[in-house]
Amino acid sequence: MDFHRVPAENIRDQIFKHLLEKEFIKEGFTLEDLKNSLPFDDTEQVVEDSSDEEVASEVKEEVFTDNIQDDEDKVDEPVSKPKKQKKEKKEKKEKKEKKDKSDKPSKPASSFVFFKSHPDNLSSIEEVAQEINEDTGKPYGKVKGAGIVWGKMSDEEKKVWATKSLEDFNSKNQVMETAS
């Protein structure tokens, strides 16, 4: 059965190589010496099937004996099931009060977000949004239209929108602080 023999030989060779690398085997031995000391048999050894009767006759039946000696002083007491202990309920942690998140923004909107939501730009964004996308055959839409308009802008114009966004953020924060 070469099917089993080849993997078995490979495993044998790997084990021998490992033993040689780790120097578990005396010096002077080679991989070939080890292979020759543990050769594989070329002849197939057929194992004959044994019948159930033969196996049953080989197994000897032994009578069970209880070798544990009972204490004479013990009185026979009925065995009862152990009582289940009730698990104590864990105390629930008090939930922390949520911080009041007012309308106060934590940071200024990005220049692009401020640009696309500003009323001055809505008409130009709407025009581009109605244009037909050549790939899909559908209109671009407002978000894509805003991106297209933003992409056509120069860096100087984008910086102007960044400063406008920061100014708007600062003005809203001052109003909130005075109201508090």
N, C-alpha and C. Protein backbone atom coordinates (compact mmCIF):
# COMPACT_ATOMS: atom_id res chain seq x y z
N MET A 1 0.84 -1.18 0.00
CA MET A 1 0.00 0.00 0.00
C MET A 1 0.88 1.24 0.00
N ASP A 2 1.26 1.65 -1.18
CA ASP A 2 2.10 2.82 -1.31
C ASP A 2 1.39 4.09 -0.84
N PHE A 3 0.07 4.05 -0.88
CA PHE A 3 -0.70 5.21 -0.46
C PHE A 3 -0.34 5.62 0.98
N HIS A 4 -0.17 4.66 1.86
CA HIS A 4 0.18 4.94 3.25
C HIS A 4 1.68 4.97 3.47
N ARG A 5 2.39 4.27 2.65
CA ARG A 5 3.82 4.12 2.86
C ARG A 5 4.58 5.44 2.63
N VAL A 6 4.26 6.14 1.56
CA VAL A 6 4.99 7.37 1.21
C VAL A 6 4.86 8.42 2.32
N PRO A 7 3.66 8.73 2.81
CA PRO A 7 3.58 9.71 3.90
C PRO A 7 4.29 9.22 5.17
N ALA A 8 4.22 7.93 5.43
CA ALA A 8 4.89 7.40 6.63
C ALA A 8 6.40 7.56 6.51
N GLU A 9 6.94 7.31 5.32
CA GLU A 9 8.37 7.49 5.12
C GLU A 9 8.76 8.96 5.26
N ASN A 10 7.93 9.84 4.77
CA ASN A 10 8.21 11.28 4.90
C ASN A 10 8.24 11.71 6.36
N ILE A 11 7.30 11.22 7.14
CA ILE A 11 7.27 11.55 8.57
C ILE A 11 8.51 10.99 9.25
N ARG A 12 8.86 9.76 8.93
CA ARG A 12 10.06 9.14 9.51
C ARG A 12 11.29 9.99 9.20
N ASP A 13 11.44 10.42 7.94
CA ASP A 13 12.59 11.21 7.54
C ASP A 13 12.62 12.56 8.25
N GLN A 14 11.46 13.18 8.43
CA GLN A 14 11.40 14.46 9.13
C GLN A 14 11.81 14.30 10.59
N ILE A 15 11.38 13.23 11.21
CA ILE A 15 11.75 12.98 12.61
C ILE A 15 13.25 12.77 12.71
N PHE A 16 13.81 11.98 11.82
CA PHE A 16 15.25 11.74 11.84
C PHE A 16 16.04 13.03 11.62
N LYS A 17 15.61 13.86 10.67
CA LYS A 17 16.29 15.12 10.43
C LYS A 17 16.26 16.00 11.67
N HIS A 18 15.11 16.05 12.32
CA HIS A 18 14.98 16.85 13.53
C HIS A 18 15.91 16.34 14.63
N LEU A 19 15.97 15.04 14.80
CA LEU A 19 16.85 14.46 15.82
C LEU A 19 18.30 14.77 15.53
N LEU A 20 18.67 14.72 14.25
CA LEU A 20 20.05 15.04 13.88
C LEU A 20 20.36 16.52 14.09
N GLU A 21 19.41 17.40 13.74
CA GLU A 21 19.62 18.84 13.91
C GLU A 21 19.77 19.21 15.38
N LYS A 22 18.99 18.60 16.22
CA LYS A 22 19.02 18.91 17.66
C LYS A 22 20.12 18.13 18.39
N GLU A 23 20.84 17.33 17.64
CA GLU A 23 21.97 16.56 18.15
C GLU A 23 21.56 15.60 19.28
N PHE A 24 20.41 14.94 19.10
CA PHE A 24 19.97 13.92 20.04
C PHE A 24 20.61 12.57 19.73
N ILE A 25 21.18 12.47 18.53
CA ILE A 25 21.78 11.21 18.09
C ILE A 25 23.30 11.42 18.06
N LYS A 26 24.03 10.37 18.43
CA LYS A 26 25.48 10.46 18.50
C LYS A 26 26.08 10.90 17.17
N GLU A 27 27.23 11.56 17.26
CA GLU A 27 27.92 11.99 16.06
C GLU A 27 28.36 10.78 15.26
N GLY A 28 28.42 10.95 13.97
CA GLY A 28 28.85 9.87 13.11
C GLY A 28 27.69 9.18 12.42
N PHE A 29 26.49 9.34 12.91
CA PHE A 29 25.32 8.76 12.27
C PHE A 29 24.80 9.72 11.21
N THR A 30 24.38 9.18 10.11
CA THR A 30 23.79 10.00 9.04
C THR A 30 22.33 9.63 8.88
N LEU A 31 21.67 10.39 8.05
CA LEU A 31 20.26 10.13 7.79
C LEU A 31 20.07 8.76 7.15
N GLU A 32 20.99 8.39 6.27
CA GLU A 32 20.91 7.08 5.62
C GLU A 32 21.10 5.94 6.63
N ASP A 33 22.00 6.14 7.61
CA ASP A 33 22.20 5.11 8.64
C ASP A 33 20.90 4.90 9.42
N LEU A 34 20.24 5.99 9.75
CA LEU A 34 19.00 5.89 10.52
C LEU A 34 17.90 5.23 9.67
N LYS A 35 17.83 5.57 8.39
CA LYS A 35 16.83 4.95 7.52
C LYS A 35 17.05 3.45 7.42
N ASN A 36 18.32 3.05 7.35
CA ASN A 36 18.63 1.62 7.26
C ASN A 36 18.32 0.89 8.56
N SER A 37 18.42 1.61 9.69
CA SER A 37 18.13 0.96 10.97
C SER A 37 16.63 0.77 11.18
N LEU A 38 15.82 1.54 10.47
CA LEU A 38 14.37 1.41 10.59
C LEU A 38 13.78 1.36 9.17
N PRO A 39 13.99 0.25 8.46
CA PRO A 39 13.50 0.17 7.08
C PRO A 39 12.02 -0.12 7.04
N PHE A 40 11.43 0.20 5.92
CA PHE A 40 10.04 -0.17 5.69
C PHE A 40 10.02 -1.49 4.96
N ASP A 41 9.11 -2.35 5.33
CA ASP A 41 9.00 -3.67 4.73
C ASP A 41 8.27 -3.54 3.40
N ASP A 42 8.85 -4.11 2.35
CA ASP A 42 8.25 -4.02 1.03
C ASP A 42 7.06 -4.96 0.88
N THR A 43 7.00 -6.00 1.67
CA THR A 43 5.91 -6.96 1.55
C THR A 43 4.71 -6.46 2.33
N GLU A 44 3.57 -6.72 1.77
CA GLU A 44 2.35 -6.32 2.46
C GLU A 44 1.99 -7.37 3.49
N GLN A 45 1.69 -6.90 4.67
CA GLN A 45 1.28 -7.82 5.73
C GLN A 45 -0.23 -7.75 5.84
N VAL A 46 -0.86 -8.83 5.52
CA VAL A 46 -2.31 -8.89 5.53
C VAL A 46 -2.77 -9.30 6.91
N VAL A 47 -3.67 -8.50 7.48
CA VAL A 47 -4.23 -8.82 8.78
C VAL A 47 -5.54 -9.56 8.53
N GLU A 48 -5.63 -10.74 9.09
CA GLU A 48 -6.84 -11.53 8.89
C GLU A 48 -7.93 -11.02 9.82
N ASP A 49 -9.15 -11.02 9.30
CA ASP A 49 -10.29 -10.61 10.10
C ASP A 49 -10.60 -11.70 11.11
N SER A 50 -10.90 -11.28 12.32
CA SER A 50 -11.27 -12.27 13.34
C SER A 50 -12.76 -12.13 13.60
N SER A 51 -13.38 -13.23 13.86
CA SER A 51 -14.82 -13.20 14.08
C SER A 51 -15.10 -12.78 15.52
N ASP A 52 -16.32 -12.40 15.76
CA ASP A 52 -16.73 -11.95 17.08
C ASP A 52 -16.63 -13.08 18.12
N GLU A 53 -16.85 -14.29 17.70
CA GLU A 53 -16.80 -15.42 18.64
C GLU A 53 -15.38 -15.63 19.15
N GLU A 54 -14.39 -15.47 18.24
CA GLU A 54 -13.01 -15.64 18.68
C GLU A 54 -12.62 -14.56 19.67
N VAL A 55 -13.06 -13.35 19.41
CA VAL A 55 -12.74 -12.24 20.31
C VAL A 55 -13.42 -12.45 21.65
N ALA A 56 -14.66 -12.91 21.62
CA ALA A 56 -15.40 -13.13 22.86
C ALA A 56 -14.77 -14.24 23.69
N SER A 57 -14.22 -15.25 23.05
CA SER A 57 -13.61 -16.34 23.81
C SER A 57 -12.30 -15.89 24.45
N GLU A 58 -11.63 -14.90 23.83
CA GLU A 58 -10.38 -14.41 24.40
C GLU A 58 -10.61 -13.54 25.62
N VAL A 59 -11.76 -12.88 25.69
CA VAL A 59 -12.05 -12.00 26.82
C VAL A 59 -12.63 -12.83 27.95
N LYS A 60 -11.99 -12.73 29.08
CA LYS A 60 -12.48 -13.48 30.24
C LYS A 60 -13.46 -12.61 31.00
N GLU A 61 -14.52 -13.23 31.42
CA GLU A 61 -15.49 -12.48 32.19
C GLU A 61 -15.10 -12.51 33.66
N GLU A 62 -15.12 -11.34 34.26
CA GLU A 62 -14.82 -11.25 35.68
C GLU A 62 -16.06 -10.76 36.39
N VAL A 63 -16.29 -11.33 37.54
CA VAL A 63 -17.43 -10.93 38.34
C VAL A 63 -17.04 -9.67 39.11
N PHE A 64 -17.95 -8.71 39.11
CA PHE A 64 -17.68 -7.47 39.81
C PHE A 64 -17.75 -7.70 41.31
N THR A 65 -16.72 -7.22 41.98
CA THR A 65 -16.73 -7.30 43.44
C THR A 65 -16.44 -5.92 43.98
N ASP A 66 -17.12 -5.60 45.05
CA ASP A 66 -16.94 -4.30 45.69
C ASP A 66 -15.85 -4.45 46.73
N ASN A 67 -14.71 -3.87 46.50
CA ASN A 67 -13.59 -4.00 47.42
C ASN A 67 -13.58 -2.92 48.50
N ILE A 68 -14.54 -2.03 48.46
CA ILE A 68 -14.58 -0.96 49.45
C ILE A 68 -15.29 -1.48 50.68
N GLN A 69 -14.63 -1.35 51.81
CA GLN A 69 -15.23 -1.82 53.04
C GLN A 69 -15.98 -0.67 53.70
N ASP A 70 -17.20 -0.98 54.15
CA ASP A 70 -18.01 0.01 54.82
C ASP A 70 -17.56 0.13 56.27
N ASP A 71 -17.66 1.36 56.78
CA ASP A 71 -17.37 1.55 58.20
C ASP A 71 -18.54 0.99 59.00
N GLU A 72 -18.23 0.19 60.03
CA GLU A 72 -19.29 -0.42 60.83
C GLU A 72 -19.96 0.60 61.73
N ASP A 73 -19.23 1.68 62.05
CA ASP A 73 -19.78 2.69 62.94
C ASP A 73 -20.83 3.56 62.25
N LYS A 74 -20.80 3.59 60.95
CA LYS A 74 -21.72 4.45 60.23
C LYS A 74 -23.11 3.84 60.22
N VAL A 75 -24.08 4.69 60.41
CA VAL A 75 -25.46 4.26 60.34
C VAL A 75 -25.93 4.59 58.93
N ASP A 76 -26.70 3.66 58.37
CA ASP A 76 -27.20 3.92 57.03
C ASP A 76 -28.14 5.11 57.06
N GLU A 77 -27.77 6.13 56.34
CA GLU A 77 -28.61 7.33 56.25
C GLU A 77 -29.08 7.46 54.81
N PRO A 78 -30.30 7.88 54.64
CA PRO A 78 -30.77 8.06 53.27
C PRO A 78 -29.97 9.18 52.59
N VAL A 79 -29.66 8.92 51.36
CA VAL A 79 -28.90 9.91 50.61
C VAL A 79 -29.89 10.92 50.03
N SER A 80 -29.63 12.17 50.30
CA SER A 80 -30.52 13.21 49.79
C SER A 80 -29.75 14.08 48.79
N LYS A 81 -30.49 14.68 47.94
CA LYS A 81 -29.87 15.54 46.95
C LYS A 81 -29.35 16.80 47.65
N PRO A 82 -28.22 17.28 47.21
CA PRO A 82 -27.72 18.51 47.82
C PRO A 82 -28.65 19.67 47.47
N LYS A 83 -28.83 20.53 48.45
CA LYS A 83 -29.71 21.67 48.25
C LYS A 83 -29.02 22.69 47.37
N LYS A 84 -29.80 23.20 46.45
CA LYS A 84 -29.25 24.22 45.57
C LYS A 84 -29.23 25.55 46.31
N GLN A 85 -28.09 26.18 46.21
CA GLN A 85 -27.97 27.47 46.86
C GLN A 85 -28.45 28.53 45.88
N LYS A 86 -29.19 29.45 46.41
CA LYS A 86 -29.68 30.52 45.57
C LYS A 86 -28.53 31.48 45.29
N LYS A 87 -28.42 31.83 44.06
CA LYS A 87 -27.37 32.79 43.69
C LYS A 87 -27.81 34.17 44.11
N GLU A 88 -26.87 34.86 44.70
CA GLU A 88 -27.18 36.23 45.10
C GLU A 88 -27.16 37.10 43.86
N LYS A 89 -28.14 37.94 43.78
CA LYS A 89 -28.20 38.83 42.64
C LYS A 89 -27.16 39.93 42.81
N LYS A 90 -26.51 40.20 41.73
CA LYS A 90 -25.52 41.27 41.76
C LYS A 90 -26.24 42.61 41.79
N GLU A 91 -25.65 43.49 42.51
CA GLU A 91 -26.23 44.82 42.57
C GLU A 91 -25.98 45.52 41.25
N LYS A 92 -27.00 46.15 40.77
CA LYS A 92 -26.85 46.85 39.51
C LYS A 92 -26.11 48.16 39.75
N LYS A 93 -25.21 48.42 38.86
CA LYS A 93 -24.46 49.67 38.97
C LYS A 93 -25.37 50.80 38.54
N GLU A 94 -25.18 51.89 39.22
CA GLU A 94 -25.97 53.05 38.85
C GLU A 94 -25.45 53.58 37.52
N LYS A 95 -26.37 53.89 36.66
CA LYS A 95 -25.98 54.41 35.37
C LYS A 95 -25.55 55.86 35.54
N LYS A 96 -24.48 56.16 34.85
CA LYS A 96 -24.00 57.54 34.88
C LYS A 96 -24.97 58.40 34.09
N GLU A 97 -25.14 59.56 34.59
CA GLU A 97 -26.02 60.48 33.88
C GLU A 97 -25.35 60.90 32.60
N LYS A 98 -26.12 60.92 31.57
CA LYS A 98 -25.57 61.33 30.29
C LYS A 98 -25.36 62.83 30.31
N LYS A 99 -24.24 63.20 29.73
CA LYS A 99 -23.95 64.62 29.65
C LYS A 99 -24.94 65.26 28.69
N ASP A 100 -25.34 66.42 29.04
CA ASP A 100 -26.28 67.14 28.20
C ASP A 100 -25.57 67.62 26.96
N LYS A 101 -25.88 66.98 25.87
CA LYS A 101 -25.27 67.39 24.62
C LYS A 101 -26.20 68.40 23.97
N SER A 102 -25.83 69.62 24.10
CA SER A 102 -26.65 70.66 23.49
C SER A 102 -26.30 70.76 22.01
N ASP A 103 -26.84 71.72 21.38
CA ASP A 103 -26.60 71.92 19.95
C ASP A 103 -25.21 72.47 19.68
N LYS A 104 -24.45 72.64 20.71
CA LYS A 104 -23.12 73.23 20.59
C LYS A 104 -22.18 72.23 19.90
N PRO A 105 -21.66 72.56 18.72
CA PRO A 105 -20.73 71.65 18.06
C PRO A 105 -19.38 71.64 18.76
N SER A 106 -18.73 70.49 18.76
CA SER A 106 -17.45 70.37 19.45
C SER A 106 -16.29 70.86 18.61
N LYS A 107 -16.47 70.87 17.30
CA LYS A 107 -15.41 71.35 16.41
C LYS A 107 -16.07 71.94 15.17
N PRO A 108 -15.35 72.79 14.48
CA PRO A 108 -15.95 73.41 13.30
C PRO A 108 -16.15 72.38 12.18
N ALA A 109 -17.15 72.63 11.37
CA ALA A 109 -17.41 71.76 10.22
C ALA A 109 -16.26 71.90 9.23
N SER A 110 -16.00 70.85 8.50
CA SER A 110 -14.94 70.94 7.50
C SER A 110 -15.36 71.97 6.46
N SER A 111 -14.37 72.47 5.75
CA SER A 111 -14.66 73.52 4.77
C SER A 111 -15.61 73.01 3.69
N PHE A 112 -15.48 71.75 3.29
CA PHE A 112 -16.37 71.19 2.27
C PHE A 112 -17.80 71.08 2.79
N VAL A 113 -17.97 70.59 4.02
CA VAL A 113 -19.31 70.44 4.59
C VAL A 113 -19.97 71.80 4.74
N PHE A 114 -19.20 72.79 5.19
CA PHE A 114 -19.75 74.13 5.32
C PHE A 114 -20.13 74.69 3.95
N PHE A 115 -19.28 74.43 2.94
CA PHE A 115 -19.53 74.90 1.58
C PHE A 115 -20.82 74.31 1.01
N LYS A 116 -20.99 72.99 1.14
CA LYS A 116 -22.15 72.36 0.51
C LYS A 116 -23.45 72.66 1.23
N SER A 117 -23.39 73.07 2.50
CA SER A 117 -24.62 73.38 3.22
C SER A 117 -24.93 74.88 3.23
N HIS A 118 -24.05 75.68 2.68
CA HIS A 118 -24.26 77.14 2.67
C HIS A 118 -25.30 77.50 1.61
N PRO A 119 -26.24 78.39 1.95
CA PRO A 119 -27.32 78.73 1.00
C PRO A 119 -26.82 79.40 -0.29
N ASP A 120 -25.68 80.06 -0.25
CA ASP A 120 -25.17 80.73 -1.46
C ASP A 120 -24.80 79.73 -2.55
N ASN A 121 -24.51 78.50 -2.21
CA ASN A 121 -24.02 77.52 -3.17
C ASN A 121 -25.10 76.54 -3.65
N LEU A 122 -26.26 76.59 -3.08
CA LEU A 122 -27.29 75.60 -3.39
C LEU A 122 -27.67 75.59 -4.87
N SER A 123 -27.74 76.75 -5.50
CA SER A 123 -28.16 76.80 -6.91
C SER A 123 -27.11 76.16 -7.82
N SER A 124 -25.82 76.44 -7.59
CA SER A 124 -24.78 75.86 -8.45
C SER A 124 -24.67 74.35 -8.22
N ILE A 125 -24.84 73.91 -6.99
CA ILE A 125 -24.80 72.47 -6.69
C ILE A 125 -25.99 71.77 -7.34
N GLU A 126 -27.16 72.41 -7.29
CA GLU A 126 -28.38 71.83 -7.87
C GLU A 126 -28.24 71.66 -9.38
N GLU A 127 -27.60 72.62 -10.03
CA GLU A 127 -27.41 72.53 -11.49
C GLU A 127 -26.55 71.32 -11.85
N VAL A 128 -25.44 71.13 -11.14
CA VAL A 128 -24.55 70.00 -11.42
C VAL A 128 -25.24 68.69 -11.05
N ALA A 129 -26.06 68.70 -10.00
CA ALA A 129 -26.75 67.49 -9.55
C ALA A 129 -27.72 66.97 -10.61
N GLN A 130 -28.27 67.88 -11.45
CA GLN A 130 -29.23 67.48 -12.48
C GLN A 130 -28.56 66.92 -13.73
N GLU A 131 -27.24 67.15 -13.87
CA GLU A 131 -26.54 66.63 -15.04
C GLU A 131 -26.55 65.11 -15.02
N ILE A 132 -26.51 64.53 -16.22
CA ILE A 132 -26.58 63.08 -16.35
C ILE A 132 -25.18 62.48 -16.31
N ASN A 133 -25.00 61.48 -15.48
CA ASN A 133 -23.74 60.76 -15.40
C ASN A 133 -23.64 59.85 -16.62
N GLU A 134 -22.54 59.94 -17.36
CA GLU A 134 -22.39 59.17 -18.59
C GLU A 134 -22.29 57.67 -18.32
N ASP A 135 -21.69 57.30 -17.20
CA ASP A 135 -21.52 55.87 -16.89
C ASP A 135 -22.82 55.18 -16.53
N THR A 136 -23.63 55.83 -15.69
CA THR A 136 -24.86 55.19 -15.21
C THR A 136 -26.10 55.63 -15.96
N GLY A 137 -26.06 56.81 -16.59
CA GLY A 137 -27.24 57.31 -17.28
C GLY A 137 -28.24 57.96 -16.33
N LYS A 138 -27.84 58.18 -15.11
CA LYS A 138 -28.72 58.80 -14.09
C LYS A 138 -28.11 60.13 -13.67
N PRO A 139 -28.92 61.01 -13.07
CA PRO A 139 -28.37 62.27 -12.57
C PRO A 139 -27.35 62.02 -11.44
N TYR A 140 -26.42 62.96 -11.28
CA TYR A 140 -25.38 62.81 -10.27
C TYR A 140 -25.94 62.80 -8.85
N GLY A 141 -26.82 63.71 -8.53
CA GLY A 141 -27.33 63.83 -7.17
C GLY A 141 -26.63 64.98 -6.47
N LYS A 142 -27.19 65.41 -5.35
CA LYS A 142 -26.69 66.61 -4.66
C LYS A 142 -25.30 66.42 -4.06
N VAL A 143 -25.05 65.29 -3.44
CA VAL A 143 -23.76 65.08 -2.78
C VAL A 143 -22.65 65.01 -3.82
N LYS A 144 -22.86 64.24 -4.85
CA LYS A 144 -21.86 64.12 -5.92
C LYS A 144 -21.70 65.46 -6.63
N GLY A 145 -22.82 66.17 -6.83
CA GLY A 145 -22.77 67.49 -7.46
C GLY A 145 -21.95 68.47 -6.65
N ALA A 146 -22.11 68.44 -5.33
CA ALA A 146 -21.32 69.31 -4.46
C ALA A 146 -19.85 68.96 -4.57
N GLY A 147 -19.54 67.68 -4.66
CA GLY A 147 -18.15 67.25 -4.81
C GLY A 147 -17.55 67.73 -6.12
N ILE A 148 -18.33 67.70 -7.16
CA ILE A 148 -17.84 68.15 -8.46
C ILE A 148 -17.56 69.65 -8.43
N VAL A 149 -18.50 70.43 -7.87
CA VAL A 149 -18.30 71.88 -7.77
C VAL A 149 -17.09 72.18 -6.90
N TRP A 150 -16.95 71.47 -5.79
CA TRP A 150 -15.82 71.67 -4.88
C TRP A 150 -14.50 71.33 -5.57
N GLY A 151 -14.49 70.29 -6.35
CA GLY A 151 -13.27 69.88 -7.05
C GLY A 151 -12.82 70.88 -8.10
N LYS A 152 -13.75 71.62 -8.68
CA LYS A 152 -13.41 72.63 -9.70
C LYS A 152 -12.88 73.92 -9.09
N MET A 153 -13.04 74.07 -7.77
CA MET A 153 -12.60 75.31 -7.11
C MET A 153 -11.08 75.31 -6.95
N SER A 154 -10.51 76.51 -6.89
CA SER A 154 -9.07 76.65 -6.67
C SER A 154 -8.77 76.52 -5.18
N ASP A 155 -7.50 76.34 -4.86
CA ASP A 155 -7.09 76.21 -3.45
C ASP A 155 -7.38 77.48 -2.67
N GLU A 156 -7.26 78.64 -3.32
CA GLU A 156 -7.53 79.92 -2.64
C GLU A 156 -9.01 80.02 -2.25
N GLU A 157 -9.90 79.61 -3.15
CA GLU A 157 -11.33 79.64 -2.84
C GLU A 157 -11.67 78.67 -1.70
N LYS A 158 -10.99 77.51 -1.71
CA LYS A 158 -11.23 76.54 -0.64
C LYS A 158 -10.77 77.09 0.71
N LYS A 159 -9.66 77.84 0.73
CA LYS A 159 -9.18 78.45 1.98
C LYS A 159 -10.17 79.49 2.50
N VAL A 160 -10.82 80.19 1.57
CA VAL A 160 -11.83 81.17 1.97
C VAL A 160 -12.97 80.47 2.68
N TRP A 161 -13.41 79.32 2.14
CA TRP A 161 -14.48 78.57 2.79
C TRP A 161 -14.04 77.99 4.13
N ALA A 162 -12.78 77.64 4.27
CA ALA A 162 -12.26 77.14 5.55
C ALA A 162 -12.31 78.24 6.61
N THR A 163 -11.93 79.45 6.25
CA THR A 163 -11.99 80.56 7.22
C THR A 163 -13.43 80.90 7.56
N LYS A 164 -14.33 80.86 6.55
CA LYS A 164 -15.75 81.13 6.82
C LYS A 164 -16.31 80.09 7.80
N SER A 165 -15.93 78.83 7.64
CA SER A 165 -16.40 77.77 8.53
C SER A 165 -15.92 78.01 9.95
N LEU A 166 -14.66 78.41 10.10
CA LEU A 166 -14.10 78.67 11.42
C LEU A 166 -14.76 79.87 12.07
N GLU A 167 -15.01 80.92 11.29
CA GLU A 167 -15.67 82.12 11.81
C GLU A 167 -17.09 81.78 12.27
N ASP A 168 -17.81 80.99 11.49
CA ASP A 168 -19.16 80.59 11.85
C ASP A 168 -19.16 79.79 13.15
N PHE A 169 -18.21 78.88 13.28
CA PHE A 169 -18.08 78.06 14.50
C PHE A 169 -17.83 78.95 15.72
N ASN A 170 -16.90 79.90 15.59
CA ASN A 170 -16.56 80.78 16.71
C ASN A 170 -17.74 81.66 17.09
N SER A 171 -18.48 82.14 16.10
CA SER A 171 -19.63 83.01 16.40
C SER A 171 -20.72 82.22 17.11
N LYS A 172 -20.94 80.97 16.71
CA LYS A 172 -21.96 80.15 17.39
C LYS A 172 -21.54 79.81 18.81
N ASN A 173 -20.25 79.55 19.04
CA ASN A 173 -19.77 79.25 20.39
C ASN A 173 -19.91 80.45 21.30
N GLN A 174 -19.66 81.66 20.79
CA GLN A 174 -19.79 82.85 21.62
C GLN A 174 -21.24 83.08 22.01
N VAL A 175 -22.17 82.82 21.09
CA VAL A 175 -23.59 82.96 21.39
C VAL A 175 -24.00 81.96 22.44
N MET A 176 -23.51 80.73 22.35
CA MET A 176 -23.86 79.69 23.33
C MET A 176 -23.29 80.03 24.70
N GLU A 177 -22.08 80.55 24.75
CA GLU A 177 -21.46 80.87 26.04
C GLU A 177 -22.18 82.02 26.72
N THR A 178 -22.63 82.98 25.97
CA THR A 178 -23.36 84.10 26.56
C THR A 178 -24.75 83.68 27.01
N ALA A 179 -25.34 82.70 26.34
CA ALA A 179 -26.67 82.23 26.72
C ALA A 179 -26.60 81.39 28.00
N SER A 180 -25.45 80.79 28.28
CA SER A 180 -25.34 79.92 29.46
C SER A 180 -25.24 80.65 30.72
